[in-house]
Amino acid sequence: MTYRGKVVGGKVVLPPGADLPEGSEVAVLPVVTAKEAAELADGLLRIAKKVRGLPPDLAKNHDHYLHGHPKK
């Protein structure tokens, strides 16, 4: 079961009806907005444009180049 809430005053506030037993363990995963994802992509592209001399099959065979696994 998944509930979506918001942080208000430093506490996670769940929507009405999201009743969890006292002491329940929960995992909180912040939701990435479209704007944040676009900013991250822009930053990664700026870095990627500066990199030179990498093998053309790096994306496909990164495990080979990093760990010595057989090429795909």
PDB file of N, CA and C in Angstrom:
ATOM      1  N   MET A   1       0.845  -1.173   0.000  1.00  0.00           N
ATOM      2  CA  MET A   1       0.000   0.000   0.000  1.00  0.00           C
ATOM      3  C   MET A   1       0.892   1.238   0.000  1.00  0.00           C
ATOM      4  N   THR A   2       0.559   2.209  -0.790  1.00  0.00           N
ATOM      5  CA  THR A   2       1.339   3.432  -0.896  1.00  0.00           C
ATOM      6  C   THR A   2       0.454   4.636  -0.595  1.00  0.00           C
ATOM      7  N   TYR A   3       0.970   5.534   0.229  1.00  0.00           N
ATOM      8  CA  TYR A   3       0.290   6.792   0.527  1.00  0.00           C
ATOM      9  C   TYR A   3       1.199   7.926   0.083  1.00  0.00           C
ATOM     10  N   ARG A   4       0.619   9.000  -0.415  1.00  0.00           N
ATOM     11  CA  ARG A   4       1.384  10.184  -0.763  1.00  0.00           C
ATOM     12  C   ARG A   4       1.052  11.270   0.235  1.00  0.00           C
ATOM     13  N   GLY A   5       2.081  11.887   0.771  1.00  0.00           N
ATOM     14  CA  GLY A   5       1.889  12.959   1.736  1.00  0.00           C
ATOM     15  C   GLY A   5       2.800  14.119   1.408  1.00  0.00           C
ATOM     16  N   LYS A   6       2.841  15.080   2.313  1.00  0.00           N
ATOM     17  CA  LYS A   6       3.703  16.249   2.152  1.00  0.00           C
ATOM     18  C   LYS A   6       4.379  16.533   3.481  1.00  0.00           C
ATOM     19  N   VAL A   7       5.552  17.145   3.400  1.00  0.00           N
ATOM     20  CA  VAL A   7       6.252  17.560   4.606  1.00  0.00           C
ATOM     21  C   VAL A   7       5.716  18.934   4.995  1.00  0.00           C
ATOM     22  N   VAL A   8       5.225  19.022   6.229  1.00  0.00           N
ATOM     23  CA  VAL A   8       4.699  20.277   6.764  1.00  0.00           C
ATOM     24  C   VAL A   8       5.314  20.460   8.142  1.00  0.00           C
ATOM     25  N   GLY A   9       6.058  21.540   8.301  1.00  0.00           N
ATOM     26  CA  GLY A   9       6.684  21.797   9.588  1.00  0.00           C
ATOM     27  C   GLY A   9       7.663  20.704  10.003  1.00  0.00           C
ATOM     28  N   GLY A  10       8.319  20.087   9.021  1.00  0.00           N
ATOM     29  CA  GLY A  10       9.307  19.059   9.318  1.00  0.00           C
ATOM     30  C   GLY A  10       8.735  17.681   9.569  1.00  0.00           C
ATOM     31  N   LYS A  11       7.430  17.515   9.398  1.00  0.00           N
ATOM     32  CA  LYS A  11       6.795  16.216   9.611  1.00  0.00           C
ATOM     33  C   LYS A  11       6.038  15.802   8.356  1.00  0.00           C
ATOM     34  N   VAL A  12       5.985  14.506   8.107  1.00  0.00           N
ATOM     35  CA  VAL A  12       5.241  13.999   6.959  1.00  0.00           C
ATOM     36  C   VAL A  12       3.770  13.913   7.337  1.00  0.00           C
ATOM     37  N   VAL A  13       2.937  14.598   6.568  1.00  0.00           N
ATOM     38  CA  VAL A  13       1.493  14.595   6.803  1.00  0.00           C
ATOM     39  C   VAL A  13       0.849  13.763   5.698  1.00  0.00           C
ATOM     40  N   LEU A  14       0.153  12.716   6.102  1.00  0.00           N
ATOM     41  CA  LEU A  14      -0.529  11.838   5.147  1.00  0.00           C
ATOM     42  C   LEU A  14      -1.951  12.312   4.911  1.00  0.00           C
ATOM     43  N   PRO A  15      -2.554  11.896   3.802  1.00  0.00           N
ATOM     44  CA  PRO A  15      -3.931  12.327   3.524  1.00  0.00           C
ATOM     45  C   PRO A  15      -4.917  11.690   4.494  1.00  0.00           C
ATOM     46  N   PRO A  16      -6.093  12.291   4.631  1.00  0.00           N
ATOM     47  CA  PRO A  16      -7.119  11.709   5.494  1.00  0.00           C
ATOM     48  C   PRO A  16      -7.422  10.272   5.069  1.00  0.00           C
ATOM     49  N   GLY A  17      -7.602   9.402   6.025  1.00  0.00           N
ATOM     50  CA  GLY A  17      -7.920   8.015   5.732  1.00  0.00           C
ATOM     51  C   GLY A  17      -6.695   7.121   5.634  1.00  0.00           C
ATOM     52  N   ALA A  18      -5.519   7.710   5.678  1.00  0.00           N
ATOM     53  CA  ALA A  18      -4.292   6.917   5.634  1.00  0.00           C
ATOM     54  C   ALA A  18      -3.916   6.567   7.071  1.00  0.00           C
ATOM     55  N   ASP A  19      -4.667   5.651   7.643  1.00  0.00           N
ATOM     56  CA  ASP A  19      -4.463   5.281   9.046  1.00  0.00           C
ATOM     57  C   ASP A  19      -3.473   4.130   9.146  1.00  0.00           C
ATOM     58  N   LEU A  20      -2.350   4.397   9.785  1.00  0.00           N
ATOM     59  CA  LEU A  20      -1.346   3.372  10.029  1.00  0.00           C
ATOM     60  C   LEU A  20      -1.283   3.114  11.532  1.00  0.00           C
ATOM     61  N   PRO A  21      -1.087   1.870  11.923  1.00  0.00           N
ATOM     62  CA  PRO A  21      -0.993   1.578  13.349  1.00  0.00           C
ATOM     63  C   PRO A  21       0.184   2.318  13.990  1.00  0.00           C
ATOM     64  N   GLU A  22       0.034   2.746  15.215  1.00  0.00           N
ATOM     65  CA  GLU A  22       1.095   3.421  15.963  1.00  0.00           C
ATOM     66  C   GLU A  22       2.335   2.534  15.969  1.00  0.00           C
ATOM     67  N   GLY A  23       3.489   3.126  15.681  1.00  0.00           N
ATOM     68  CA  GLY A  23       4.739   2.383  15.680  1.00  0.00           C
ATOM     69  C   GLY A  23       5.070   1.735  14.350  1.00  0.00           C
ATOM     70  N   SER A  24       4.203   1.925  13.348  1.00  0.00           N
ATOM     71  CA  SER A  24       4.473   1.339  12.033  1.00  0.00           C
ATOM     72  C   SER A  24       5.769   1.904  11.471  1.00  0.00           C
ATOM     73  N   GLU A  25       6.609   1.046  10.901  1.00  0.00           N
ATOM     74  CA  GLU A  25       7.791   1.519  10.196  1.00  0.00           C
ATOM     75  C   GLU A  25       7.373   1.929   8.798  1.00  0.00           C
ATOM     76  N   VAL A  26       7.929   3.031   8.338  1.00  0.00           N
ATOM     77  CA  VAL A  26       7.601   3.528   7.008  1.00  0.00           C
ATOM     78  C   VAL A  26       8.885   3.876   6.275  1.00  0.00           C
ATOM     79  N   ALA A  27       8.818   3.916   4.962  1.00  0.00           N
ATOM     80  CA  ALA A  27       9.922   4.379   4.124  1.00  0.00           C
ATOM     81  C   ALA A  27       9.446   5.644   3.432  1.00  0.00           C
ATOM     82  N   VAL A  28      10.282   6.653   3.448  1.00  0.00           N
ATOM     83  CA  VAL A  28       9.933   7.924   2.815  1.00  0.00           C
ATOM     84  C   VAL A  28      10.835   8.110   1.606  1.00  0.00           C
ATOM     85  N   LEU A  29      10.230   8.256   0.446  1.00  0.00           N
ATOM     86  CA  LEU A  29      10.955   8.430  -0.806  1.00  0.00           C
ATOM     87  C   LEU A  29      10.493   9.739  -1.441  1.00  0.00           C
ATOM     88  N   PRO A  30      11.351  10.768  -1.448  1.00  0.00           N
ATOM     89  CA  PRO A  30      10.936  12.039  -2.047  1.00  0.00           C
ATOM     90  C   PRO A  30      10.599  11.857  -3.524  1.00  0.00           C
ATOM     91  N   VAL A  31       9.575  12.538  -3.979  1.00  0.00           N
ATOM     92  CA  VAL A  31       9.150  12.492  -5.375  1.00  0.00           C
ATOM     93  C   VAL A  31       9.942  13.541  -6.146  1.00  0.00           C
ATOM     94  N   VAL A  32      10.549  13.121  -7.244  1.00  0.00           N
ATOM     95  CA  VAL A  32      11.311  14.042  -8.083  1.00  0.00           C
ATOM     96  C   VAL A  32      10.345  14.713  -9.050  1.00  0.00           C
ATOM     97  N   THR A  33      10.369  16.035  -9.062  1.00  0.00           N
ATOM     98  CA  THR A  33       9.496  16.770  -9.973  1.00  0.00           C
ATOM     99  C   THR A  33      10.084  16.765 -11.378  1.00  0.00           C
ATOM    100  N   ALA A  34       9.266  17.081 -12.340  1.00  0.00           N
ATOM    101  CA  ALA A  34       9.722  17.149 -13.729  1.00  0.00           C
ATOM    102  C   ALA A  34      10.810  18.214 -13.877  1.00  0.00           C
ATOM    103  N   LYS A  35      10.671  19.315 -13.158  1.00  0.00           N
ATOM    104  CA  LYS A  35      11.671  20.386 -13.224  1.00  0.00           C
ATOM    105  C   LYS A  35      13.011  19.896 -12.675  1.00  0.00           C
ATOM    106  N   GLU A  36      12.987  19.186 -11.551  1.00  0.00           N
ATOM    107  CA  GLU A  36      14.225  18.662 -10.972  1.00  0.00           C
ATOM    108  C   GLU A  36      14.884  17.648 -11.903  1.00  0.00           C
ATOM    109  N   ALA A  37      14.083  16.797 -12.519  1.00  0.00           N
ATOM    110  CA  ALA A  37      14.619  15.797 -13.448  1.00  0.00           C
ATOM    111  C   ALA A  37      15.249  16.485 -14.657  1.00  0.00           C
ATOM    112  N   ALA A  38      14.621  17.534 -15.161  1.00  0.00           N
ATOM    113  CA  ALA A  38      15.156  18.263 -16.311  1.00  0.00           C
ATOM    114  C   ALA A  38      16.462  18.958 -15.941  1.00  0.00           C
ATOM    115  N   GLU A  39      16.537  19.526 -14.736  1.00  0.00           N
ATOM    116  CA  GLU A  39      17.769  20.180 -14.289  1.00  0.00           C
ATOM    117  C   GLU A  39      18.903  19.164 -14.167  1.00  0.00           C
ATOM    118  N   LEU A  40      18.600  17.991 -13.648  1.00  0.00           N
ATOM    119  CA  LEU A  40      19.613  16.949 -13.542  1.00  0.00           C
ATOM    120  C   LEU A  40      20.087  16.513 -14.926  1.00  0.00           C
ATOM    121  N   ALA A  41      19.150  16.314 -15.840  1.00  0.00           N
ATOM    122  CA  ALA A  41      19.506  15.904 -17.203  1.00  0.00           C
ATOM    123  C   ALA A  41      20.375  16.962 -17.875  1.00  0.00           C
ATOM    124  N   ASP A  42      20.034  18.227 -17.703  1.00  0.00           N
ATOM    125  CA  ASP A  42      20.831  19.312 -18.293  1.00  0.00           C
ATOM    126  C   ASP A  42      22.252  19.304 -17.742  1.00  0.00           C
ATOM    127  N   GLY A  43      22.372  19.113 -16.434  1.00  0.00           N
ATOM    128  CA  GLY A  43      23.694  19.076 -15.809  1.00  0.00           C
ATOM    129  C   GLY A  43      24.522  17.907 -16.310  1.00  0.00           C
ATOM    130  N   LEU A  44      23.901  16.745 -16.431  1.00  0.00           N
ATOM    131  CA  LEU A  44      24.617  15.573 -16.930  1.00  0.00           C
ATOM    132  C   LEU A  44      25.048  15.761 -18.382  1.00  0.00           C
ATOM    133  N   LEU A  45      24.191  16.373 -19.189  1.00  0.00           N
ATOM    134  CA  LEU A  45      24.553  16.622 -20.588  1.00  0.00           C
ATOM    135  C   LEU A  45      25.722  17.591 -20.709  1.00  0.00           C
ATOM    136  N   ARG A  46      25.758  18.613 -19.840  1.00  0.00           N
ATOM    137  CA  ARG A  46      26.889  19.546 -19.869  1.00  0.00           C
ATOM    138  C   ARG A  46      28.197  18.819 -19.577  1.00  0.00           C
ATOM    139  N   ILE A  47      28.160  17.899 -18.608  1.00  0.00           N
ATOM    140  CA  ILE A  47      29.358  17.123 -18.280  1.00  0.00           C
ATOM    141  C   ILE A  47      29.702  16.177 -19.421  1.00  0.00           C
ATOM    142  N   ALA A  48      28.712  15.489 -19.962  1.00  0.00           N
ATOM    143  CA  ALA A  48      28.951  14.508 -21.023  1.00  0.00           C
ATOM    144  C   ALA A  48      29.570  15.147 -22.266  1.00  0.00           C
ATOM    145  N   LYS A  49      29.208  16.388 -22.545  1.00  0.00           N
ATOM    146  CA  LYS A  49      29.746  17.062 -23.730  1.00  0.00           C
ATOM    147  C   LYS A  49      31.239  17.355 -23.596  1.00  0.00           C
ATOM    148  N   LYS A  50      31.757  17.375 -22.355  1.00  0.00           N
ATOM    149  CA  LYS A  50      33.166  17.684 -22.132  1.00  0.00           C
ATOM    150  C   LYS A  50      34.054  16.443 -22.176  1.00  0.00           C
ATOM    151  N   VAL A  51      33.472  15.268 -22.082  1.00  0.00           N
ATOM    152  CA  VAL A  51      34.245  14.028 -22.030  1.00  0.00           C
ATOM    153  C   VAL A  51      34.704  13.645 -23.435  1.00  0.00           C
ATOM    154  N   ARG A  52      35.982  13.283 -23.542  1.00  0.00           N
ATOM    155  CA  ARG A  52      36.556  12.898 -24.830  1.00  0.00           C
ATOM    156  C   ARG A  52      37.303  11.575 -24.674  1.00  0.00           C
ATOM    157  N   GLY A  53      37.424  10.832 -25.769  1.00  0.00           N
ATOM    158  CA  GLY A  53      38.272   9.662 -25.815  1.00  0.00           C
ATOM    159  C   GLY A  53      37.688   8.396 -25.217  1.00  0.00           C
ATOM    160  N   LEU A  54      36.385   8.341 -25.011  1.00  0.00           N
ATOM    161  CA  LEU A  54      35.775   7.122 -24.471  1.00  0.00           C
ATOM    162  C   LEU A  54      35.450   6.156 -25.603  1.00  0.00           C
ATOM    163  N   PRO A  55      35.440   4.860 -25.305  1.00  0.00           N
ATOM    164  CA  PRO A  55      35.092   3.883 -26.346  1.00  0.00           C
ATOM    165  C   PRO A  55      33.658   4.098 -26.836  1.00  0.00           C
ATOM    166  N   PRO A  56      33.394   3.887 -28.115  1.00  0.00           N
ATOM    167  CA  PRO A  56      32.051   4.114 -28.643  1.00  0.00           C
ATOM    168  C   PRO A  56      31.003   3.142 -28.090  1.00  0.00           C
ATOM    169  N   ASP A  57      31.449   1.999 -27.547  1.00  0.00           N
ATOM    170  CA  ASP A  57      30.503   1.019 -27.001  1.00  0.00           C
ATOM    171  C   ASP A  57      30.460   1.047 -25.473  1.00  0.00           C
ATOM    172  N   LEU A  58      30.859   2.156 -24.878  1.00  0.00           N
ATOM    173  CA  LEU A  58      30.929   2.243 -23.418  1.00  0.00           C
ATOM    174  C   LEU A  58      29.585   1.972 -22.749  1.00  0.00           C
ATOM    175  N   ALA A  59      28.513   2.522 -23.269  1.00  0.00           N
ATOM    176  CA  ALA A  59      27.199   2.322 -22.645  1.00  0.00           C
ATOM    177  C   ALA A  59      26.832   0.840 -22.626  1.00  0.00           C
ATOM    178  N   LYS A  60      27.084   0.163 -23.722  1.00  0.00           N
ATOM    179  CA  LYS A  60      26.720  -1.250 -23.830  1.00  0.00           C
ATOM    180  C   LYS A  60      27.652  -2.141 -23.005  1.00  0.00           C
ATOM    181  N   ASN A  61      28.927  -1.793 -22.935  1.00  0.00           N
ATOM    182  CA  ASN A  61      29.925  -2.660 -22.312  1.00  0.00           C
ATOM    183  C   ASN A  61      30.600  -2.033 -21.086  1.00  0.00           C
ATOM    184  N   HIS A  62      29.861  -1.221 -20.349  1.00  0.00           N
ATOM    185  CA  HIS A  62      30.473  -0.561 -19.184  1.00  0.00           C
ATOM    186  C   HIS A  62      31.009  -1.559 -18.160  1.00  0.00           C
ATOM    187  N   ASP A  63      30.351  -2.711 -17.997  1.00  0.00           N
ATOM    188  CA  ASP A  63      30.860  -3.715 -17.063  1.00  0.00           C
ATOM    189  C   ASP A  63      32.214  -4.270 -17.521  1.00  0.00           C
ATOM    190  N   HIS A  64      32.411  -4.349 -18.810  1.00  0.00           N
ATOM    191  CA  HIS A  64      33.704  -4.796 -19.342  1.00  0.00           C
ATOM    192  C   HIS A  64      34.796  -3.782 -18.971  1.00  0.00           C
ATOM    193  N   TYR A  65      34.526  -2.514 -19.225  1.00  0.00           N
ATOM    194  CA  TYR A  65      35.536  -1.489 -18.987  1.00  0.00           C
ATOM    195  C   TYR A  65      35.773  -1.224 -17.501  1.00  0.00           C
ATOM    196  N   LEU A  66      34.746  -1.375 -16.677  1.00  0.00           N
ATOM    197  CA  LEU A  66      34.897  -1.121 -15.243  1.00  0.00           C
ATOM    198  C   LEU A  66      35.393  -2.339 -14.470  1.00  0.00           C
ATOM    199  N   HIS A  67      34.892  -3.516 -14.838  1.00  0.00           N
ATOM    200  CA  HIS A  67      35.143  -4.701 -14.017  1.00  0.00           C
ATOM    201  C   HIS A  67      35.806  -5.852 -14.766  1.00  0.00           C
ATOM    202  N   GLY A  68      36.063  -5.707 -16.070  1.00  0.00           N
ATOM    203  CA  GLY A  68      36.712  -6.754 -16.834  1.00  0.00           C
ATOM    204  C   GLY A  68      35.794  -7.881 -17.273  1.00  0.00           C
ATOM    205  N   HIS A  69      34.474  -7.677 -17.193  1.00  0.00           N
ATOM    206  CA  HIS A  69      33.534  -8.711 -17.652  1.00  0.00           C
ATOM    207  C   HIS A  69      33.635  -8.841 -19.176  1.00  0.00           C
ATOM    208  N   PRO A  70      33.215  -9.992 -19.704  1.00  0.00           N
ATOM    209  CA  PRO A  70      33.233 -10.143 -21.171  1.00  0.00           C
ATOM    210  C   PRO A  70      32.349  -9.098 -21.849  1.00  0.00           C
ATOM    211  N   LYS A  71      32.745  -8.670 -23.034  1.00  0.00           N
ATOM    212  CA  LYS A  71      31.932  -7.720 -23.799  1.00  0.00           C
ATOM    213  C   LYS A  71      30.652  -8.378 -24.265  1.00  0.00           C
ATOM    214  N   LYS A  72      29.633  -7.578 -24.441  1.00  0.00           N
ATOM    215  CA  LYS A  72      28.334  -8.064 -24.927  1.00  0.00           C
ATOM    216  C   LYS A  72      28.304  -8.024 -26.430  1.00  0.00           C
TER     217      LYS A  72
END
